[in-house]
Amino acid sequence: AWKHWRDDVPSEILDPALGESYSRSQVLRCIHIGFLCVQEDPADRPTMASIVLALSSQTLILPVPQGPAFFFRSWTEQPNIANDQGHDQNNSGSAPLSVNGMSITEVYPR
């Protein structure tokens, strides 16, 4: 989705099965707001109050979103990605890439 947005073809994000049963401008506005919410730098993300305002006002000008914190990128765009063992992987296809470190904590009752 981010690649289509970045390449200025956001209509490619829309599901053709929807046909004409939606307002294209409203859907694209929602996608735009969604990209603002997942920007890499949390300081660039909008507050909930500004999201509500953006959703309720069609005249409010939205800022241009920066890249998301996480997205699927083609190996051909990043050919020298190292795997866990430090080996380069030059396979074609998609793989999850992230610039953020992440840990998962499972909470158990005492």
Foldseek 3Di string as FASTA:
>chain_A
DVVCVVVVNCVVVDDCVCPPVDDPLLVVLVVQLVLLQQAQDNVSRDDPVVSVVSNVDPPDDDDGHDGGQWDKDWCVVVQQDADPVRHGDRDTDIDIDGPDDDDDDDDDDD
